[in-house]
Amino acid sequence: MASTTALNGWTGERATRLDELLDAHARVGGDGPGRRWRTTQPNRSLVLLLAAEFQGFARDLHGEASTTLADWAAAGNRPLEQVIESRITEGRQLDCGNA
């Protein structure tokens, strides 16, 4: 499978941020068996961060796909490529809505 910038971001810096919060969660609640106390807020934080990071990944991936499709469709015509790409990404909810 070919690697993309979006995939590299997901497995790199985005994964690092999630791992940091998972590590903090384990420090608060422990990592052994049993019920966890005082983890409600870290749990909520994890859900929000995961949603935000995934939205960022999806936006990055859509951007790459848009660029690739526009490049292919325009067949070297740079102005047309820019128009196609802008139309594909115009009004994209991934750019403005919450996760």
PDB file of N, CA and C in Angstrom:
ATOM      1  N   MET A   1       0.848  -1.179   0.000  1.00  0.00           N
ATOM      2  CA  MET A   1       0.000   0.000   0.000  1.00  0.00           C
ATOM      3  C   MET A   1       0.892   1.240   0.000  1.00  0.00           C
ATOM      4  N   ALA A   2       0.533   2.180  -0.862  1.00  0.00           N
ATOM      5  CA  ALA A   2       1.299   3.418  -0.942  1.00  0.00           C
ATOM      6  C   ALA A   2       1.026   4.284   0.276  1.00  0.00           C
ATOM      7  N   SER A   3       2.073   4.920   0.743  1.00  0.00           N
ATOM      8  CA  SER A   3       1.935   5.803   1.891  1.00  0.00           C
ATOM      9  C   SER A   3       1.547   7.195   1.405  1.00  0.00           C
ATOM     10  N   THR A   4       0.709   7.866   2.170  1.00  0.00           N
ATOM     11  CA  THR A   4       0.297   9.216   1.834  1.00  0.00           C
ATOM     12  C   THR A   4       0.660  10.146   2.984  1.00  0.00           C
ATOM     13  N   THR A   5       0.616  11.426   2.715  1.00  0.00           N
ATOM     14  CA  THR A   5       0.874  12.398   3.759  1.00  0.00           C
ATOM     15  C   THR A   5      -0.170  12.268   4.863  1.00  0.00           C
ATOM     16  N   ALA A   6      -1.432  12.042   4.479  1.00  0.00           N
ATOM     17  CA  ALA A   6      -2.500  11.877   5.474  1.00  0.00           C
ATOM     18  C   ALA A   6      -2.237  10.662   6.348  1.00  0.00           C
ATOM     19  N   LEU A   7      -1.851   9.559   5.732  1.00  0.00           N
ATOM     20  CA  LEU A   7      -1.569   8.340   6.492  1.00  0.00           C
ATOM     21  C   LEU A   7      -0.350   8.536   7.390  1.00  0.00           C
ATOM     22  N   ASN A   8       0.667   9.180   6.877  1.00  0.00           N
ATOM     23  CA  ASN A   8       1.853   9.452   7.696  1.00  0.00           C
ATOM     24  C   ASN A   8       1.503  10.319   8.897  1.00  0.00           C
ATOM     25  N   GLY A   9       0.619  11.296   8.704  1.00  0.00           N
ATOM     26  CA  GLY A   9       0.179  12.133   9.819  1.00  0.00           C
ATOM     27  C   GLY A   9      -0.616  11.334  10.833  1.00  0.00           C
ATOM     28  N   TRP A  10      -1.487  10.438  10.339  1.00  0.00           N
ATOM     29  CA  TRP A  10      -2.318   9.623  11.226  1.00  0.00           C
ATOM     30  C   TRP A  10      -1.456   8.687  12.060  1.00  0.00           C
ATOM     31  N   THR A  11      -0.484   8.032  11.437  1.00  0.00           N
ATOM     32  CA  THR A  11       0.362   7.083  12.162  1.00  0.00           C
ATOM     33  C   THR A  11       1.531   7.767  12.866  1.00  0.00           C
ATOM     34  N   GLY A  12       1.718   9.052  12.604  1.00  0.00           N
ATOM     35  CA  GLY A  12       2.817   9.800  13.207  1.00  0.00           C
ATOM     36  C   GLY A  12       2.352  10.737  14.297  1.00  0.00           C
ATOM     37  N   GLU A  13       2.229  12.017  13.949  1.00  0.00           N
ATOM     38  CA  GLU A  13       1.937  13.033  14.966  1.00  0.00           C
ATOM     39  C   GLU A  13       0.554  12.878  15.586  1.00  0.00           C
ATOM     40  N   ARG A  14      -0.433  12.461  14.814  1.00  0.00           N
ATOM     41  CA  ARG A  14      -1.773  12.268  15.387  1.00  0.00           C
ATOM     42  C   ARG A  14      -1.767  11.101  16.368  1.00  0.00           C
ATOM     43  N   ALA A  15      -1.110  10.017  16.005  1.00  0.00           N
ATOM     44  CA  ALA A  15      -1.012   8.857  16.906  1.00  0.00           C
ATOM     45  C   ALA A  15      -0.235   9.218  18.167  1.00  0.00           C
ATOM     46  N   THR A  16       0.778  10.049  18.030  1.00  0.00           N
ATOM     47  CA  THR A  16       1.570  10.471  19.190  1.00  0.00           C
ATOM     48  C   THR A  16       0.707  11.241  20.180  1.00  0.00           C
ATOM     49  N   ARG A  17      -0.125  12.146  19.680  1.00  0.00           N
ATOM     50  CA  ARG A  17      -1.003  12.908  20.575  1.00  0.00           C
ATOM     51  C   ARG A  17      -1.999  11.988  21.284  1.00  0.00           C
ATOM     52  N   LEU A  18      -2.551  11.036  20.555  1.00  0.00           N
ATOM     53  CA  LEU A  18      -3.478  10.080  21.179  1.00  0.00           C
ATOM     54  C   LEU A  18      -2.753   9.225  22.214  1.00  0.00           C
ATOM     55  N   ASP A  19      -1.546   8.776  21.884  1.00  0.00           N
ATOM     56  CA  ASP A  19      -0.766   7.969  22.827  1.00  0.00           C
ATOM     57  C   ASP A  19      -0.456   8.739  24.105  1.00  0.00           C
ATOM     58  N   GLU A  20      -0.164  10.031  23.984  1.00  0.00           N
ATOM     59  CA  GLU A  20       0.116  10.849  25.166  1.00  0.00           C
ATOM     60  C   GLU A  20      -1.094  10.899  26.089  1.00  0.00           C
ATOM     61  N   LEU A  21      -2.277  11.058  25.512  1.00  0.00           N
ATOM     62  CA  LEU A  21      -3.481  11.112  26.341  1.00  0.00           C
ATOM     63  C   LEU A  21      -3.812   9.732  26.915  1.00  0.00           C
ATOM     64  N   LEU A  22      -3.581   8.675  26.150  1.00  0.00           N
ATOM     65  CA  LEU A  22      -3.778   7.322  26.680  1.00  0.00           C
ATOM     66  C   LEU A  22      -2.838   7.046  27.843  1.00  0.00           C
ATOM     67  N   ASP A  23      -1.618   7.527  27.739  1.00  0.00           N
ATOM     68  CA  ASP A  23      -0.646   7.359  28.821  1.00  0.00           C
ATOM     69  C   ASP A  23      -1.106   8.115  30.074  1.00  0.00           C
ATOM     70  N   ALA A  24      -1.582   9.343  29.894  1.00  0.00           N
ATOM     71  CA  ALA A  24      -2.092  10.115  31.037  1.00  0.00           C
ATOM     72  C   ALA A  24      -3.305   9.422  31.645  1.00  0.00           C
ATOM     73  N   HIS A  25      -4.147   8.862  30.825  1.00  0.00           N
ATOM     74  CA  HIS A  25      -5.330   8.138  31.304  1.00  0.00           C
ATOM     75  C   HIS A  25      -4.901   6.947  32.155  1.00  0.00           C
ATOM     76  N   ALA A  26      -3.903   6.217  31.704  1.00  0.00           N
ATOM     77  CA  ALA A  26      -3.411   5.055  32.458  1.00  0.00           C
ATOM     78  C   ALA A  26      -2.806   5.486  33.787  1.00  0.00           C
ATOM     79  N   ARG A  27      -2.161   6.638  33.810  1.00  0.00           N
ATOM     80  CA  ARG A  27      -1.570   7.125  35.063  1.00  0.00           C
ATOM     81  C   ARG A  27      -2.644   7.480  36.086  1.00  0.00           C
ATOM     82  N   VAL A  28      -3.774   7.988  35.609  1.00  0.00           N
ATOM     83  CA  VAL A  28      -4.864   8.347  36.515  1.00  0.00           C
ATOM     84  C   VAL A  28      -5.598   7.109  36.995  1.00  0.00           C
ATOM     85  N   GLY A  29      -5.920   6.220  36.067  1.00  0.00           N
ATOM     86  CA  GLY A  29      -6.755   5.078  36.410  1.00  0.00           C
ATOM     87  C   GLY A  29      -6.040   3.763  36.560  1.00  0.00           C
ATOM     88  N   GLY A  30      -4.771   3.726  36.236  1.00  0.00           N
ATOM     89  CA  GLY A  30      -4.030   2.475  36.281  1.00  0.00           C
ATOM     90  C   GLY A  30      -4.287   1.651  35.035  1.00  0.00           C
ATOM     91  N   ASP A  31      -3.488   0.610  34.860  1.00  0.00           N
ATOM     92  CA  ASP A  31      -3.650  -0.204  33.663  1.00  0.00           C
ATOM     93  C   ASP A  31      -3.966  -1.669  33.981  1.00  0.00           C
ATOM     94  N   GLY A  32      -4.236  -1.973  35.258  1.00  0.00           N
ATOM     95  CA  GLY A  32      -4.586  -3.330  35.656  1.00  0.00           C
ATOM     96  C   GLY A  32      -6.086  -3.548  35.587  1.00  0.00           C
ATOM     97  N   PRO A  33      -6.537  -4.771  35.900  1.00  0.00           N
ATOM     98  CA  PRO A  33      -7.965  -5.056  35.874  1.00  0.00           C
ATOM     99  C   PRO A  33      -8.708  -4.335  37.002  1.00  0.00           C
ATOM    100  N   GLY A  34     -10.009  -4.174  36.819  1.00  0.00           N
ATOM    101  CA  GLY A  34     -10.836  -3.550  37.849  1.00  0.00           C
ATOM    102  C   GLY A  34     -11.452  -2.251  37.397  1.00  0.00           C
ATOM    103  N   ARG A  35     -12.402  -1.792  38.178  1.00  0.00           N
ATOM    104  CA  ARG A  35     -13.121  -0.557  37.849  1.00  0.00           C
ATOM    105  C   ARG A  35     -12.218   0.654  38.072  1.00  0.00           C
ATOM    106  N   ARG A  36     -12.352   1.620  37.199  1.00  0.00           N
ATOM    107  CA  ARG A  36     -11.558   2.848  37.281  1.00  0.00           C
ATOM    108  C   ARG A  36     -12.373   3.970  37.906  1.00  0.00           C
ATOM    109  N   TRP A  37     -11.758   4.688  38.785  1.00  0.00           N
ATOM    110  CA  TRP A  37     -12.369   5.850  39.419  1.00  0.00           C
ATOM    111  C   TRP A  37     -11.650   7.096  38.934  1.00  0.00           C
ATOM    112  N   ARG A  38     -12.333   8.174  38.914  1.00  0.00           N
ATOM    113  CA  ARG A  38     -11.778   9.466  38.502  1.00  0.00           C
ATOM    114  C   ARG A  38     -11.261   9.468  37.061  1.00  0.00           C
ATOM    115  N   THR A  39     -11.906   8.713  36.199  1.00  0.00           N
ATOM    116  CA  THR A  39     -11.481   8.696  34.794  1.00  0.00           C
ATOM    117  C   THR A  39     -12.536   9.261  33.849  1.00  0.00           C
ATOM    118  N   THR A  40     -13.605   9.804  34.396  1.00  0.00           N
ATOM    119  CA  THR A  40     -14.663  10.334  33.533  1.00  0.00           C
ATOM    120  C   THR A  40     -14.133  11.429  32.613  1.00  0.00           C
ATOM    121  N   GLN A  41     -13.423  12.389  33.149  1.00  0.00           N
ATOM    122  CA  GLN A  41     -12.918  13.494  32.326  1.00  0.00           C
ATOM    123  C   GLN A  41     -11.838  13.031  31.345  1.00  0.00           C
ATOM    124  N   PRO A  42     -10.875  12.189  31.783  1.00  0.00           N
ATOM    125  CA  PRO A  42      -9.931  11.677  30.779  1.00  0.00           C
ATOM    126  C   PRO A  42     -10.623  10.867  29.676  1.00  0.00           C
ATOM    127  N   ASN A  43     -11.680  10.121  30.042  1.00  0.00           N
ATOM    128  CA  ASN A  43     -12.428   9.374  29.021  1.00  0.00           C
ATOM    129  C   ASN A  43     -13.049  10.322  28.006  1.00  0.00           C
ATOM    130  N   ARG A  44     -13.667  11.385  28.507  1.00  0.00           N
ATOM    131  CA  ARG A  44     -14.274  12.375  27.612  1.00  0.00           C
ATOM    132  C   ARG A  44     -13.217  13.042  26.740  1.00  0.00           C
ATOM    133  N   SER A  45     -12.095  13.341  27.337  1.00  0.00           N
ATOM    134  CA  SER A  45     -11.005  13.952  26.577  1.00  0.00           C
ATOM    135  C   SER A  45     -10.521  13.029  25.465  1.00  0.00           C
ATOM    136  N   LEU A  46     -10.420  11.753  25.774  1.00  0.00           N
ATOM    137  CA  LEU A  46      -9.998  10.782  24.766  1.00  0.00           C
ATOM    138  C   LEU A  46     -10.970  10.726  23.596  1.00  0.00           C
ATOM    139  N   VAL A  47     -12.253  10.705  23.908  1.00  0.00           N
ATOM    140  CA  VAL A  47     -13.265  10.649  22.850  1.00  0.00           C
ATOM    141  C   VAL A  47     -13.184  11.896  21.973  1.00  0.00           C
ATOM    142  N   LEU A  48     -13.075  13.064  22.594  1.00  0.00           N
ATOM    143  CA  LEU A  48     -12.998  14.311  21.830  1.00  0.00           C
ATOM    144  C   LEU A  48     -11.732  14.376  20.979  1.00  0.00           C
ATOM    145  N   LEU A  49     -10.610  13.979  21.564  1.00  0.00           N
ATOM    146  CA  LEU A  49      -9.359  14.022  20.809  1.00  0.00           C
ATOM    147  C   LEU A  49      -9.388  13.029  19.654  1.00  0.00           C
ATOM    148  N   LEU A  50      -9.904  11.845  19.889  1.00  0.00           N
ATOM    149  CA  LEU A  50      -9.991  10.855  18.820  1.00  0.00           C
ATOM    150  C   LEU A  50     -10.865  11.375  17.681  1.00  0.00           C
ATOM    151  N   ALA A  51     -12.005  11.959  18.015  1.00  0.00           N
ATOM    152  CA  ALA A  51     -12.894  12.503  16.988  1.00  0.00           C
ATOM    153  C   ALA A  51     -12.204  13.629  16.212  1.00  0.00           C
ATOM    154  N   ALA A  52     -11.527  14.512  16.924  1.00  0.00           N
ATOM    155  CA  ALA A  52     -10.848  15.638  16.269  1.00  0.00           C
ATOM    156  C   ALA A  52      -9.706  15.164  15.379  1.00  0.00           C
ATOM    157  N   GLU A  53      -8.916  14.236  15.878  1.00  0.00           N
ATOM    158  CA  GLU A  53      -7.787  13.730  15.082  1.00  0.00           C
ATOM    159  C   GLU A  53      -8.286  12.972  13.855  1.00  0.00           C
ATOM    160  N   PHE A  54      -9.370  12.207  14.015  1.00  0.00           N
ATOM    161  CA  PHE A  54      -9.888  11.481  12.867  1.00  0.00           C
ATOM    162  C   PHE A  54     -10.470  12.442  11.840  1.00  0.00           C
ATOM    163  N   GLN A  55     -11.145  13.502  12.294  1.00  0.00           N
ATOM    164  CA  GLN A  55     -11.655  14.499  11.365  1.00  0.00           C
ATOM    165  C   GLN A  55     -10.496  15.146  10.599  1.00  0.00           C
ATOM    166  N   GLY A  56      -9.410  15.442  11.303  1.00  0.00           N
ATOM    167  CA  GLY A  56      -8.236  16.015  10.636  1.00  0.00           C
ATOM    168  C   GLY A  56      -7.648  15.060   9.616  1.00  0.00           C
ATOM    169  N   PHE A  57      -7.585  13.783   9.969  1.00  0.00           N
ATOM    170  CA  PHE A  57      -7.094  12.767   9.035  1.00  0.00           C
ATOM    171  C   PHE A  57      -7.998  12.685   7.812  1.00  0.00           C
ATOM    172  N   ALA A  58      -9.309  12.660   8.040  1.00  0.00           N
ATOM    173  CA  ALA A  58     -10.260  12.576   6.927  1.00  0.00           C
ATOM    174  C   ALA A  58     -10.137  13.800   6.015  1.00  0.00           C
ATOM    175  N   ARG A  59      -9.949  14.974   6.611  1.00  0.00           N
ATOM    176  CA  ARG A  59      -9.776  16.208   5.830  1.00  0.00           C
ATOM    177  C   ARG A  59      -8.490  16.129   4.997  1.00  0.00           C
ATOM    178  N   ASP A  60      -7.412  15.672   5.624  1.00  0.00           N
ATOM    179  CA  ASP A  60      -6.139  15.538   4.903  1.00  0.00           C
ATOM    180  C   ASP A  60      -6.270  14.542   3.752  1.00  0.00           C
ATOM    181  N   LEU A  61      -6.915  13.418   4.026  1.00  0.00           N
ATOM    182  CA  LEU A  61      -7.080  12.379   3.006  1.00  0.00           C
ATOM    183  C   LEU A  61      -7.962  12.885   1.861  1.00  0.00           C
ATOM    184  N   HIS A  62      -9.043  13.587   2.190  1.00  0.00           N
ATOM    185  CA  HIS A  62      -9.911  14.145   1.153  1.00  0.00           C
ATOM    186  C   HIS A  62      -9.150  15.168   0.306  1.00  0.00           C
ATOM    187  N   GLY A  63      -8.328  15.973   0.964  1.00  0.00           N
ATOM    188  CA  GLY A  63      -7.519  16.945   0.231  1.00  0.00           C
ATOM    189  C   GLY A  63      -6.563  16.279  -0.740  1.00  0.00           C
ATOM    190  N   GLU A  64      -5.902  15.222  -0.276  1.00  0.00           N
ATOM    191  CA  GLU A  64      -4.984  14.494  -1.166  1.00  0.00           C
ATOM    192  C   GLU A  64      -5.726  13.853  -2.329  1.00  0.00           C
ATOM    193  N   ALA A  65      -6.879  13.256  -2.033  1.00  0.00           N
ATOM    194  CA  ALA A  65      -7.673  12.624  -3.087  1.00  0.00           C
ATOM    195  C   ALA A  65      -8.155  13.669  -4.093  1.00  0.00           C
ATOM    196  N   SER A  66      -8.557  14.830  -3.608  1.00  0.00           N
ATOM    197  CA  SER A  66      -9.019  15.905  -4.481  1.00  0.00           C
ATOM    198  C   SER A  66      -7.898  16.372  -5.407  1.00  0.00           C
ATOM    199  N   THR A  67      -6.722  16.529  -4.854  1.00  0.00           N
ATOM    200  CA  THR A  67      -5.564  16.950  -5.644  1.00  0.00           C
ATOM    201  C   THR A  67      -5.227  15.915  -6.713  1.00  0.00           C
ATOM    202  N   THR A  68      -5.235  14.657  -6.327  1.00  0.00           N
ATOM    203  CA  THR A  68      -4.911  13.579  -7.266  1.00  0.00           C
ATOM    204  C   THR A  68      -5.943  13.496  -8.382  1.00  0.00           C
ATOM    205  N   LEU A  69      -7.212  13.563  -8.022  1.00  0.00           N
ATOM    206  CA  LEU A  69      -8.275  13.501  -9.025  1.00  0.00           C
ATOM    207  C   LEU A  69      -8.206  14.699  -9.970  1.00  0.00           C
ATOM    208  N   ALA A  70      -8.010  15.877  -9.418  1.00  0.00           N
ATOM    209  CA  ALA A  70      -7.927  17.082 -10.248  1.00  0.00           C
ATOM    210  C   ALA A  70      -6.729  17.010 -11.186  1.00  0.00           C
ATOM    211  N   ASP A  71      -5.612  16.523 -10.699  1.00  0.00           N
ATOM    212  CA  ASP A  71      -4.419  16.367 -11.524  1.00  0.00           C
ATOM    213  C   ASP A  71      -4.685  15.412 -12.687  1.00  0.00           C
ATOM    214  N   TRP A  72      -5.336  14.299 -12.387  1.00  0.00           N
ATOM    215  CA  TRP A  72      -5.650  13.321 -13.411  1.00  0.00           C
ATOM    216  C   TRP A  72      -6.647  13.885 -14.428  1.00  0.00           C
ATOM    217  N   ALA A  73      -7.718  14.516 -13.946  1.00  0.00           N
ATOM    218  CA  ALA A  73      -8.772  15.013 -14.820  1.00  0.00           C
ATOM    219  C   ALA A  73      -8.303  16.166 -15.701  1.00  0.00           C
ATOM    220  N   ALA A  74      -7.416  16.993 -15.193  1.00  0.00           N
ATOM    221  CA  ALA A  74      -6.967  18.174 -15.943  1.00  0.00           C
ATOM    222  C   ALA A  74      -5.871  17.834 -16.946  1.00  0.00           C
ATOM    223  N   ALA A  75      -5.234  16.698 -16.790  1.00  0.00           N
ATOM    224  CA  ALA A  75      -4.209  16.238 -17.744  1.00  0.00           C
ATOM    225  C   ALA A  75      -3.168  17.309 -18.071  1.00  0.00           C
ATOM    226  N   GLY A  76      -2.624  17.923 -17.024  1.00  0.00           N
ATOM    227  CA  GLY A  76      -1.546  18.887 -17.211  1.00  0.00           C
ATOM    228  C   GLY A  76      -1.987  20.326 -17.357  1.00  0.00           C
ATOM    229  N   ASN A  77      -3.260  20.589 -17.426  1.00  0.00           N
ATOM    230  CA  ASN A  77      -3.773  21.952 -17.532  1.00  0.00           C
ATOM    231  C   ASN A  77      -3.922  22.504 -16.119  1.00  0.00           C
ATOM    232  N   ARG A  78      -2.910  23.235 -15.662  1.00  0.00           N
ATOM    233  CA  ARG A  78      -2.856  23.703 -14.266  1.00  0.00           C
ATOM    234  C   ARG A  78      -4.050  24.582 -13.874  1.00  0.00           C
ATOM    235  N   PRO A  79      -4.467  25.549 -14.685  1.00  0.00           N
ATOM    236  CA  PRO A  79      -5.641  26.348 -14.292  1.00  0.00           C
ATOM    237  C   PRO A  79      -6.902  25.484 -14.120  1.00  0.00           C
ATOM    238  N   LEU A  80      -7.100  24.533 -15.024  1.00  0.00           N
ATOM    239  CA  LEU A  80      -8.247  23.641 -14.901  1.00  0.00           C
ATOM    240  C   LEU A  80      -8.124  22.772 -13.655  1.00  0.00           C
ATOM    241  N   GLU A  81      -6.933  22.320 -13.380  1.00  0.00           N
ATOM    242  CA  GLU A  81      -6.693  21.513 -12.171  1.00  0.00           C
ATOM    243  C   GLU A  81      -7.088  22.290 -10.918  1.00  0.00           C
ATOM    244  N   GLN A  82      -6.715  23.552 -10.866  1.00  0.00           N
ATOM    245  CA  GLN A  82      -7.057  24.379  -9.706  1.00  0.00           C
ATOM    246  C   GLN A  82      -8.565  24.571  -9.571  1.00  0.00           C
ATOM    247  N   VAL A  83      -9.256  24.735 -10.694  1.00  0.00           N
ATOM    248  CA  VAL A  83     -10.713  24.898 -10.661  1.00  0.00           C
ATOM    249  C   VAL A  83     -11.367  23.612 -10.169  1.00  0.00           C
ATOM    250  N   ILE A  84     -10.944  22.478 -10.696  1.00  0.00           N
ATOM    251  CA  ILE A  84     -11.523  21.191 -10.295  1.00  0.00           C
ATOM    252  C   ILE A  84     -11.305  20.947  -8.808  1.00  0.00           C
ATOM    253  N   GLU A  85     -10.086  21.163  -8.355  1.00  0.00           N
ATOM    254  CA  GLU A  85      -9.774  20.930  -6.945  1.00  0.00           C
ATOM    255  C   GLU A  85     -10.579  21.859  -6.034  1.00  0.00           C
ATOM    256  N   SER A  86     -10.702  23.115  -6.410  1.00  0.00           N
ATOM    257  CA  SER A  86     -11.458  24.048  -5.563  1.00  0.00           C
ATOM    258  C   SER A  86     -12.940  23.686  -5.537  1.00  0.00           C
ATOM    259  N   ARG A  87     -13.469  23.209  -6.654  1.00  0.00           N
ATOM    260  CA  ARG A  87     -14.886  22.811  -6.685  1.00  0.00           C
ATOM    261  C   ARG A  87     -15.122  21.562  -5.835  1.00  0.00           C
ATOM    262  N   ILE A  88     -14.183  20.633  -5.830  1.00  0.00           N
ATOM    263  CA  ILE A  88     -14.334  19.409  -5.042  1.00  0.00           C
ATOM    264  C   ILE A  88     -14.324  19.724  -3.551  1.00  0.00           C
ATOM    265  N   THR A  89     -13.507  20.675  -3.140  1.00  0.00           N
ATOM    266  CA  THR A  89     -13.362  20.976  -1.712  1.00  0.00           C
ATOM    267  C   THR A  89     -14.239  22.140  -1.243  1.00  0.00           C
ATOM    268  N   GLU A  90     -14.926  22.793  -2.170  1.00  0.00           N
ATOM    269  CA  GLU A  90     -15.782  23.939  -1.822  1.00  0.00           C
ATOM    270  C   GLU A  90     -16.916  23.519  -0.891  1.00  0.00           C
ATOM    271  N   GLY A  91     -17.061  24.232   0.229  1.00  0.00           N
ATOM    272  CA  GLY A  91     -18.135  23.958   1.174  1.00  0.00           C
ATOM    273  C   GLY A  91     -17.959  22.671   1.961  1.00  0.00           C
ATOM    274  N   ARG A  92     -16.775  22.173   1.998  1.00  0.00           N
ATOM    275  CA  ARG A  92     -16.495  20.906   2.682  1.00  0.00           C
ATOM    276  C   ARG A  92     -16.717  21.056   4.188  1.00  0.00           C
ATOM    277  N   GLN A  93     -17.614  20.263   4.726  1.00  0.00           N
ATOM    278  CA  GLN A  93     -17.944  20.324   6.157  1.00  0.00           C
ATOM    279  C   GLN A  93     -16.775  19.920   7.039  1.00  0.00           C
ATOM    280  N   LEU A  94     -15.844  19.153   6.514  1.00  0.00           N
ATOM    281  CA  LEU A  94     -14.665  18.771   7.303  1.00  0.00           C
ATOM    282  C   LEU A  94     -13.818  19.978   7.680  1.00  0.00           C
ATOM    283  N   ASP A  95     -13.984  21.077   6.957  1.00  0.00           N
ATOM    284  CA  ASP A  95     -13.206  22.285   7.224  1.00  0.00           C
ATOM    285  C   ASP A  95     -13.812  23.179   8.306  1.00  0.00           C
ATOM    286  N   CYS A  96     -15.097  23.008   8.587  1.00  0.00           N
ATOM    287  CA  CYS A  96     -15.726  23.994   9.470  1.00  0.00           C
ATOM    288  C   CYS A  96     -16.527  23.384  10.613  1.00  0.00           C
ATOM    289  N   GLY A  97     -17.006  22.187  10.514  1.00  0.00           N
ATOM    290  CA  GLY A  97     -17.837  21.602  11.562  1.00  0.00           C
ATOM    291  C   GLY A  97     -17.014  20.939  12.640  1.00  0.00           C
ATOM    292  N   ASN A  98     -17.622  20.799  13.797  1.00  0.00           N
ATOM    293  CA  ASN A  98     -16.974  20.040  14.863  1.00  0.00           C
ATOM    294  C   ASN A  98     -17.056  18.562  14.559  1.00  0.00           C
ATOM    295  N   ALA A  99     -16.131  17.822  15.096  1.00  0.00           N
ATOM    296  CA  ALA A  99     -16.089  16.383  14.832  1.00  0.00           C
ATOM    297  C   ALA A  99     -17.335  15.688  15.340  1.00  0.00           C
TER     298      ALA A  99
END
